Amino acid sequence: MQEIKLNTHISGRFNLELENLRNSVLTMGGMVEQQLCDAIAALRDNHLALAEKVIVNDFTLNSMEVQIDEECTRIIAKRHPAASDLRLVLAINKTTADLERMGDDIERIANLLIRGSLPVSEDIKNGMIATGNHVMEMLRKTLNAFARLDAEAALEIHMGDQEIDEQYKQLLTLAVTEMQRDTELLPQWLEVLWAMRALERVGDRCKNVCEYIIYLVKGKDVRHISREELQRRLAELRQS
């Protein structure tokens, strides 16, 4: 991933602080990406030890969020950043919060193995793996867009989440049909439904990060707008 081009300040220390902050969020993002990869692999291979590793590593993600949050607060209090510097610190602060929540979602997937609640249907399991791979690709692209500060890529990734939503809906419909055939395993099915929802939520949180990237680079808030408006903004970004 390419480096973010930070502003140059009279204070070399401030430059270093912003660079270290950027490196921290990218490191955390890389760990979340590995967590998702491990969770999908554990689901695919019924690998209990790998699922346990995901559970344990989530504590590290929690600690990283706290440390980055504290550093963001310290920089705001001490350096009084303005303009793009302030947007950078705020974007990092929000991004780490979403990365931590992704970790929680991924942990829910790993818990399927820990609790012995793997889908009894191979169709459901294969569908979850396919969706998980799609989400993993979206996360990878999101982190790359953050590293490059690529607003256009971020907006395209944001719009692409609709495909994951459609996959989730199809998988949910199939799961409901399977549940009706096997009501005795309802508690296990509920765990599966929660894990399916967790996968979809990782995609939603990638969308959030993409919104922070766009705000950071362009100063435009694209939260809570229609798909048509997103397409219009994408055209504007390509021309700017």
C-alpha atoms as a PDB file:
ATOM      1  CA  MET A   1       0.000   0.000   0.000  1.00  0.00           C
ATOM      2  CA  GLN A   2       1.230   3.478  -0.820  1.00  0.00           C
ATOM      3  CA  GLU A   3       1.848   6.040   1.876  1.00  0.00           C
ATOM      4  CA  ILE A   4      -0.474   8.848   2.838  1.00  0.00           C
ATOM      5  CA  LYS A   5       0.994  12.207   1.908  1.00  0.00           C
ATOM      6  CA  LEU A   6       0.811  14.190   5.109  1.00  0.00           C
ATOM      7  CA  ASN A   7       1.206  17.952   5.348  1.00  0.00           C
ATOM      8  CA  THR A   8       4.633  19.281   6.297  1.00  0.00           C
ATOM      9  CA  HIS A   9       4.770  21.232   9.545  1.00  0.00           C
ATOM     10  CA  ILE A  10       7.356  23.462  11.182  1.00  0.00           C
ATOM     11  CA  SER A  11       7.304  20.998  14.063  1.00  0.00           C
ATOM     12  CA  GLY A  12       9.071  17.835  12.982  1.00  0.00           C
ATOM     13  CA  ARG A  13       7.627  16.164  16.045  1.00  0.00           C
ATOM     14  CA  PHE A  14       4.084  16.859  14.847  1.00  0.00           C
ATOM     15  CA  ASN A  15       4.927  15.308  11.473  1.00  0.00           C
ATOM     16  CA  LEU A  16       6.190  12.206  13.243  1.00  0.00           C
ATOM     17  CA  GLU A  17       3.100  11.990  15.449  1.00  0.00           C
ATOM     18  CA  LEU A  18       0.763  12.086  12.457  1.00  0.00           C
ATOM     19  CA  GLU A  19       2.874   9.541  10.588  1.00  0.00           C
ATOM     20  CA  ASN A  20       2.890   7.195  13.579  1.00  0.00           C
ATOM     21  CA  LEU A  21      -0.869   7.611  13.942  1.00  0.00           C
ATOM     22  CA  ARG A  22      -1.352   6.724  10.284  1.00  0.00           C
ATOM     23  CA  ASN A  23       0.887   3.694  10.644  1.00  0.00           C
ATOM     24  CA  SER A  24      -1.055   2.540  13.696  1.00  0.00           C
ATOM     25  CA  VAL A  25      -4.426   2.534  11.943  1.00  0.00           C
ATOM     26  CA  LEU A  26      -2.984   0.707   8.931  1.00  0.00           C
ATOM     27  CA  THR A  27      -1.447  -1.876  11.245  1.00  0.00           C
ATOM     28  CA  MET A  28      -4.791  -2.341  12.961  1.00  0.00           C
ATOM     29  CA  GLY A  29      -6.526  -2.627   9.608  1.00  0.00           C
ATOM     30  CA  GLY A  30      -4.072  -5.291   8.515  1.00  0.00           C
ATOM     31  CA  MET A  31      -4.801  -7.269  11.654  1.00  0.00           C
ATOM     32  CA  VAL A  32      -8.556  -7.057  11.071  1.00  0.00           C
ATOM     33  CA  GLU A  33      -8.016  -8.293   7.519  1.00  0.00           C
ATOM     34  CA  GLN A  34      -6.027 -11.269   8.853  1.00  0.00           C
ATOM     35  CA  GLN A  35      -8.716 -11.958  11.460  1.00  0.00           C
ATOM     36  CA  LEU A  36     -11.372 -12.150   8.755  1.00  0.00           C
ATOM     37  CA  CYS A  37      -9.170 -14.390   6.627  1.00  0.00           C
ATOM     38  CA  ASP A  38      -8.622 -16.728   9.589  1.00  0.00           C
ATOM     39  CA  ALA A  39     -12.317 -16.801  10.493  1.00  0.00           C
ATOM     40  CA  ILE A  40     -13.347 -17.726   6.951  1.00  0.00           C
ATOM     41  CA  ALA A  41     -10.629 -20.381   6.786  1.00  0.00           C
ATOM     42  CA  ALA A  42     -11.756 -21.791  10.144  1.00  0.00           C
ATOM     43  CA  LEU A  43     -15.338 -21.962   8.879  1.00  0.00           C
ATOM     44  CA  ARG A  44     -14.286 -23.599   5.618  1.00  0.00           C
ATOM     45  CA  ASP A  45     -11.969 -26.202   7.178  1.00  0.00           C
ATOM     46  CA  ASN A  46     -13.783 -26.683  10.501  1.00  0.00           C
ATOM     47  CA  HIS A  47     -10.520 -25.572  12.140  1.00  0.00           C
ATOM     48  CA  LEU A  48     -11.208 -25.108  15.856  1.00  0.00           C
ATOM     49  CA  ALA A  49      -7.699 -23.947  16.777  1.00  0.00           C
ATOM     50  CA  LEU A  50      -7.831 -21.208  14.149  1.00  0.00           C
ATOM     51  CA  ALA A  51     -11.197 -20.054  15.470  1.00  0.00           C
ATOM     52  CA  GLU A  52      -9.745 -19.910  18.989  1.00  0.00           C
ATOM     53  CA  LYS A  53      -6.878 -17.796  17.650  1.00  0.00           C
ATOM     54  CA  VAL A  54      -9.398 -15.315  16.245  1.00  0.00           C
ATOM     55  CA  ILE A  55     -11.110 -15.050  19.642  1.00  0.00           C
ATOM     56  CA  VAL A  56      -7.824 -14.423  21.463  1.00  0.00           C
ATOM     57  CA  ASN A  57      -6.572 -11.853  18.948  1.00  0.00           C
ATOM     58  CA  ASP A  58      -9.734  -9.784  19.324  1.00  0.00           C
ATOM     59  CA  PHE A  59      -8.418  -8.608  22.703  1.00  0.00           C
ATOM     60  CA  THR A  60      -5.393  -7.164  20.886  1.00  0.00           C
ATOM     61  CA  LEU A  61      -7.678  -5.248  18.524  1.00  0.00           C
ATOM     62  CA  ASN A  62      -9.539  -3.810  21.502  1.00  0.00           C
ATOM     63  CA  SER A  63      -6.263  -2.600  23.020  1.00  0.00           C
ATOM     64  CA  MET A  64      -5.153  -1.072  19.729  1.00  0.00           C
ATOM     65  CA  GLU A  65      -8.377   0.908  19.473  1.00  0.00           C
ATOM     66  CA  VAL A  66      -7.896   2.324  22.971  1.00  0.00           C
ATOM     67  CA  GLN A  67      -4.279   3.305  22.282  1.00  0.00           C
ATOM     68  CA  ILE A  68      -5.077   4.999  18.971  1.00  0.00           C
ATOM     69  CA  ASP A  69      -8.074   6.777  20.499  1.00  0.00           C
ATOM     70  CA  GLU A  70      -5.913   8.106  23.322  1.00  0.00           C
ATOM     71  CA  GLU A  71      -3.279   9.322  20.841  1.00  0.00           C
ATOM     72  CA  CYS A  72      -5.929  11.101  18.751  1.00  0.00           C
ATOM     73  CA  THR A  73      -7.225  12.840  21.871  1.00  0.00           C
ATOM     74  CA  ARG A  74      -3.707  13.838  22.924  1.00  0.00           C
ATOM     75  CA  ILE A  75      -2.875  15.292  19.497  1.00  0.00           C
ATOM     76  CA  ILE A  76      -6.098  17.319  19.397  1.00  0.00           C
ATOM     77  CA  ALA A  77      -5.492  18.675  22.908  1.00  0.00           C
ATOM     78  CA  LYS A  78      -1.799  19.460  22.408  1.00  0.00           C
ATOM     79  CA  ARG A  79      -1.461  20.353  18.715  1.00  0.00           C
ATOM     80  CA  HIS A  80      -4.854  21.934  17.987  1.00  0.00           C
ATOM     81  CA  PRO A  81      -4.834  20.602  14.396  1.00  0.00           C
ATOM     82  CA  ALA A  82      -6.844  22.470  11.772  1.00  0.00           C
ATOM     83  CA  ALA A  83      -8.194  21.873   8.275  1.00  0.00           C
ATOM     84  CA  SER A  84      -6.910  18.655   6.683  1.00  0.00           C
ATOM     85  CA  ASP A  85      -4.839  17.729   9.751  1.00  0.00           C
ATOM     86  CA  LEU A  86      -7.945  17.789  11.930  1.00  0.00           C
ATOM     87  CA  ARG A  87      -9.900  15.806   9.353  1.00  0.00           C
ATOM     88  CA  LEU A  88      -7.091  13.234   9.315  1.00  0.00           C
ATOM     89  CA  VAL A  89      -7.128  12.778  13.088  1.00  0.00           C
ATOM     90  CA  LEU A  90     -10.932  12.559  13.178  1.00  0.00           C
ATOM     91  CA  ALA A  91     -11.007  10.117  10.265  1.00  0.00           C
ATOM     92  CA  ILE A  92      -8.455   7.885  11.995  1.00  0.00           C
ATOM     93  CA  ASN A  93     -10.397   8.041  15.245  1.00  0.00           C
ATOM     94  CA  LYS A  94     -13.627   6.996  13.526  1.00  0.00           C
ATOM     95  CA  THR A  95     -11.897   4.388  11.384  1.00  0.00           C
ATOM     96  CA  THR A  96     -10.375   2.620  14.380  1.00  0.00           C
ATOM     97  CA  ALA A  97     -13.798   2.480  16.027  1.00  0.00           C
ATOM     98  CA  ASP A  98     -15.230   0.746  12.960  1.00  0.00           C
ATOM     99  CA  LEU A  99     -12.228  -1.577  12.726  1.00  0.00           C
ATOM    100  CA  GLU A 100     -12.792  -2.632  16.334  1.00  0.00           C
ATOM    101  CA  ARG A 101     -16.448  -3.343  15.605  1.00  0.00           C
ATOM    102  CA  MET A 102     -15.403  -5.392  12.580  1.00  0.00           C
ATOM    103  CA  GLY A 103     -13.300  -7.420  14.990  1.00  0.00           C
ATOM    104  CA  ASP A 104     -16.381  -8.069  17.108  1.00  0.00           C
ATOM    105  CA  ASP A 105     -18.318  -9.158  14.025  1.00  0.00           C
ATOM    106  CA  ILE A 106     -15.512 -11.490  12.979  1.00  0.00           C
ATOM    107  CA  GLU A 107     -15.387 -12.951  16.477  1.00  0.00           C
ATOM    108  CA  ARG A 108     -19.049 -13.900  16.124  1.00  0.00           C
ATOM    109  CA  ILE A 109     -18.184 -15.926  13.027  1.00  0.00           C
ATOM    110  CA  ALA A 110     -15.396 -17.744  14.866  1.00  0.00           C
ATOM    111  CA  ASN A 111     -17.783 -18.493  17.714  1.00  0.00           C
ATOM    112  CA  LEU A 112     -19.757 -20.776  15.408  1.00  0.00           C
ATOM    113  CA  LEU A 113     -16.976 -23.309  15.809  1.00  0.00           C
ATOM    114  CA  ILE A 114     -16.322 -22.599  19.476  1.00  0.00           C
ATOM    115  CA  ARG A 115     -19.986 -23.223  20.315  1.00  0.00           C
ATOM    116  CA  GLY A 116     -20.414 -26.131  17.926  1.00  0.00           C
ATOM    117  CA  SER A 117     -22.986 -24.237  15.865  1.00  0.00           C
ATOM    118  CA  LEU A 118     -21.646 -24.746  12.342  1.00  0.00           C
ATOM    119  CA  PRO A 119     -24.362 -24.752   9.645  1.00  0.00           C
ATOM    120  CA  VAL A 120     -25.784 -28.227   9.127  1.00  0.00           C
ATOM    121  CA  SER A 121     -26.449 -27.280   5.495  1.00  0.00           C
ATOM    122  CA  GLU A 122     -23.501 -27.333   3.104  1.00  0.00           C
ATOM    123  CA  ASP A 123     -25.320 -24.821   0.900  1.00  0.00           C
ATOM    124  CA  ILE A 124     -25.487 -22.348   3.785  1.00  0.00           C
ATOM    125  CA  LYS A 125     -21.868 -22.946   4.743  1.00  0.00           C
ATOM    126  CA  ASN A 126     -20.656 -22.500   1.165  1.00  0.00           C
ATOM    127  CA  GLY A 127     -22.782 -19.380   0.814  1.00  0.00           C
ATOM    128  CA  MET A 128     -21.253 -17.900   3.962  1.00  0.00           C
ATOM    129  CA  ILE A 129     -17.755 -18.665   2.710  1.00  0.00           C
ATOM    130  CA  ALA A 130     -18.499 -17.035  -0.660  1.00  0.00           C
ATOM    131  CA  THR A 131     -19.943 -13.957   1.046  1.00  0.00           C
ATOM    132  CA  GLY A 132     -16.992 -13.878   3.420  1.00  0.00           C
ATOM    133  CA  ASN A 133     -14.532 -13.888   0.530  1.00  0.00           C
ATOM    134  CA  HIS A 134     -16.442 -11.036  -1.095  1.00  0.00           C
ATOM    135  CA  VAL A 135     -16.383  -9.048   2.140  1.00  0.00           C
ATOM    136  CA  MET A 136     -12.661  -9.780   2.565  1.00  0.00           C
ATOM    137  CA  GLU A 137     -11.976  -8.312  -0.880  1.00  0.00           C
ATOM    138  CA  MET A 138     -14.024  -5.238   0.012  1.00  0.00           C
ATOM    139  CA  LEU A 139     -12.048  -4.786   3.236  1.00  0.00           C
ATOM    140  CA  ARG A 140      -8.739  -5.122   1.378  1.00  0.00           C
ATOM    141  CA  LYS A 141      -9.781  -2.489  -1.164  1.00  0.00           C
ATOM    142  CA  THR A 142     -11.007  -0.189   1.606  1.00  0.00           C
ATOM    143  CA  LEU A 143      -7.690  -0.336   3.442  1.00  0.00           C
ATOM    144  CA  ASN A 144      -5.826   0.304   0.193  1.00  0.00           C
ATOM    145  CA  ALA A 145      -8.028   3.326  -0.503  1.00  0.00           C
ATOM    146  CA  PHE A 146      -7.300   4.637   2.983  1.00  0.00           C
ATOM    147  CA  ALA A 147      -3.558   4.160   2.520  1.00  0.00           C
ATOM    148  CA  ARG A 148      -3.637   6.035  -0.805  1.00  0.00           C
ATOM    149  CA  LEU A 149      -6.251   8.575   0.267  1.00  0.00           C
ATOM    150  CA  ASP A 150      -8.126   7.632  -2.898  1.00  0.00           C
ATOM    151  CA  ALA A 151     -11.560   9.232  -2.658  1.00  0.00           C
ATOM    152  CA  GLU A 152     -12.738   7.971  -6.043  1.00  0.00           C
ATOM    153  CA  ALA A 153     -11.875   4.366  -5.161  1.00  0.00           C
ATOM    154  CA  ALA A 154     -13.568   4.807  -1.789  1.00  0.00           C
ATOM    155  CA  LEU A 155     -16.800   5.938  -3.423  1.00  0.00           C
ATOM    156  CA  GLU A 156     -16.767   3.027  -5.855  1.00  0.00           C
ATOM    157  CA  ILE A 157     -16.192   0.579  -2.974  1.00  0.00           C
ATOM    158  CA  HIS A 158     -19.036   2.225  -1.064  1.00  0.00           C
ATOM    159  CA  MET A 159     -21.435   1.676  -3.950  1.00  0.00           C
ATOM    160  CA  GLY A 160     -20.266  -1.919  -4.394  1.00  0.00           C
ATOM    161  CA  ASP A 161     -21.611  -2.900  -0.987  1.00  0.00           C
ATOM    162  CA  GLN A 162     -24.990  -3.414  -2.649  1.00  0.00           C
ATOM    163  CA  GLU A 163     -23.679  -6.698  -4.080  1.00  0.00           C
ATOM    164  CA  ILE A 164     -22.880  -7.976  -0.589  1.00  0.00           C
ATOM    165  CA  ASP A 165     -26.332  -6.919   0.602  1.00  0.00           C
ATOM    166  CA  GLU A 166     -27.893  -8.955  -2.212  1.00  0.00           C
ATOM    167  CA  GLN A 167     -25.770 -11.992  -1.341  1.00  0.00           C
ATOM    168  CA  TYR A 168     -26.852 -11.674   2.267  1.00  0.00           C
ATOM    169  CA  LYS A 169     -30.544 -11.487   1.363  1.00  0.00           C
ATOM    170  CA  GLN A 170     -30.302 -14.581  -0.821  1.00  0.00           C
ATOM    171  CA  LEU A 171     -28.441 -16.459   1.889  1.00  0.00           C
ATOM    172  CA  LEU A 172     -30.990 -15.376   4.493  1.00  0.00           C
ATOM    173  CA  THR A 173     -33.864 -16.636   2.340  1.00  0.00           C
ATOM    174  CA  LEU A 174     -32.144 -19.991   1.940  1.00  0.00           C
ATOM    175  CA  ALA A 175     -31.451 -20.207   5.686  1.00  0.00           C
ATOM    176  CA  VAL A 176     -35.090 -19.536   6.582  1.00  0.00           C
ATOM    177  CA  THR A 177     -36.153 -22.337   4.246  1.00  0.00           C
ATOM    178  CA  GLU A 178     -33.653 -24.712   5.859  1.00  0.00           C
ATOM    179  CA  MET A 179     -34.780 -23.700   9.357  1.00  0.00           C
ATOM    180  CA  GLN A 180     -38.361 -24.605   8.574  1.00  0.00           C
ATOM    181  CA  ARG A 181     -37.244 -28.122   7.696  1.00  0.00           C
ATOM    182  CA  ASP A 182     -35.268 -28.576  10.900  1.00  0.00           C
ATOM    183  CA  THR A 183     -36.938 -26.680  13.754  1.00  0.00           C
ATOM    184  CA  GLU A 184     -35.327 -28.854  16.424  1.00  0.00           C
ATOM    185  CA  LEU A 185     -32.004 -27.108  15.811  1.00  0.00           C
ATOM    186  CA  LEU A 186     -33.430 -23.595  16.157  1.00  0.00           C
ATOM    187  CA  PRO A 187     -30.833 -22.367  18.734  1.00  0.00           C
ATOM    188  CA  GLN A 188     -28.019 -23.463  16.423  1.00  0.00           C
ATOM    189  CA  TRP A 189     -29.686 -21.792  13.459  1.00  0.00           C
ATOM    190  CA  LEU A 190     -29.974 -18.537  15.393  1.00  0.00           C
ATOM    191  CA  GLU A 191     -26.200 -18.574  15.910  1.00  0.00           C
ATOM    192  CA  VAL A 192     -25.768 -19.086  12.179  1.00  0.00           C
ATOM    193  CA  LEU A 193     -28.103 -16.186  11.387  1.00  0.00           C
ATOM    194  CA  TRP A 194     -26.137 -13.904  13.724  1.00  0.00           C
ATOM    195  CA  ALA A 195     -22.885 -14.922  12.011  1.00  0.00           C
ATOM    196  CA  MET A 196     -24.389 -14.267   8.571  1.00  0.00           C
ATOM    197  CA  ARG A 197     -25.490 -10.845   9.738  1.00  0.00           C
ATOM    198  CA  ALA A 198     -22.001 -10.210  11.130  1.00  0.00           C
ATOM    199  CA  LEU A 199     -20.493 -10.810   7.698  1.00  0.00           C
ATOM    200  CA  GLU A 200     -22.882  -8.306   6.149  1.00  0.00           C
ATOM    201  CA  ARG A 201     -22.069  -5.802   8.892  1.00  0.00           C
ATOM    202  CA  VAL A 202     -18.358  -5.930   8.078  1.00  0.00           C
ATOM    203  CA  GLY A 203     -19.305  -4.706   4.613  1.00  0.00           C
ATOM    204  CA  ASP A 204     -21.365  -1.899   6.140  1.00  0.00           C
ATOM    205  CA  ARG A 205     -18.421  -0.846   8.294  1.00  0.00           C
ATOM    206  CA  CYS A 206     -16.188  -0.786   5.222  1.00  0.00           C
ATOM    207  CA  LYS A 207     -18.708   1.659   3.765  1.00  0.00           C
ATOM    208  CA  ASN A 208     -18.299   3.830   6.855  1.00  0.00           C
ATOM    209  CA  VAL A 209     -14.527   3.918   6.416  1.00  0.00           C
ATOM    210  CA  CYS A 210     -14.987   4.865   2.769  1.00  0.00           C
ATOM    211  CA  GLU A 211     -17.142   7.788   3.874  1.00  0.00           C
ATOM    212  CA  TYR A 212     -14.359   8.962   6.203  1.00  0.00           C
ATOM    213  CA  ILE A 213     -11.858   8.791   3.333  1.00  0.00           C
ATOM    214  CA  ILE A 214     -14.061  10.922   1.099  1.00  0.00           C
ATOM    215  CA  TYR A 215     -14.603  13.479   3.862  1.00  0.00           C
ATOM    216  CA  LEU A 216     -10.882  13.563   4.645  1.00  0.00           C
ATOM    217  CA  VAL A 217      -9.799  14.079   1.037  1.00  0.00           C
ATOM    218  CA  LYS A 218     -12.653  16.150  -0.384  1.00  0.00           C
ATOM    219  CA  GLY A 219     -14.287  17.636   2.691  1.00  0.00           C
ATOM    220  CA  LYS A 220     -17.645  16.247   1.507  1.00  0.00           C
ATOM    221  CA  ASP A 221     -20.016  14.367   3.770  1.00  0.00           C
ATOM    222  CA  VAL A 222     -21.604  11.482   1.837  1.00  0.00           C
ATOM    223  CA  ARG A 223     -23.400   9.824   4.726  1.00  0.00           C
ATOM    224  CA  HIS A 224     -27.111   9.026   4.412  1.00  0.00           C
ATOM    225  CA  ILE A 225     -27.472   9.903   0.728  1.00  0.00           C
ATOM    226  CA  SER A 226     -29.128   7.944  -2.073  1.00  0.00           C
ATOM    227  CA  ARG A 227     -27.359   5.710  -4.573  1.00  0.00           C
ATOM    228  CA  GLU A 228     -28.221   8.184  -7.322  1.00  0.00           C
ATOM    229  CA  GLU A 229     -26.603  11.001  -5.357  1.00  0.00           C
ATOM    230  CA  LEU A 230     -23.551   8.806  -4.773  1.00  0.00           C
ATOM    231  CA  GLN A 231     -23.248   8.288  -8.519  1.00  0.00           C
ATOM    232  CA  ARG A 232     -23.428  12.039  -9.062  1.00  0.00           C
ATOM    233  CA  ARG A 233     -20.709  12.600  -6.454  1.00  0.00           C
ATOM    234  CA  LEU A 234     -18.544   9.954  -8.131  1.00  0.00           C
ATOM    235  CA  ALA A 235     -18.826  11.817 -11.437  1.00  0.00           C
ATOM    236  CA  GLU A 236     -17.840  15.050  -9.688  1.00  0.00           C
ATOM    237  CA  LEU A 237     -14.819  13.416  -8.065  1.00  0.00           C
ATOM    238  CA  ARG A 238     -13.616  12.124 -11.416  1.00  0.00           C
ATOM    239  CA  GLN A 239     -13.746  15.634 -12.828  1.00  0.00           C
ATOM    240  CA  SER A 240     -12.030  17.311  -9.850  1.00  0.00           C
END
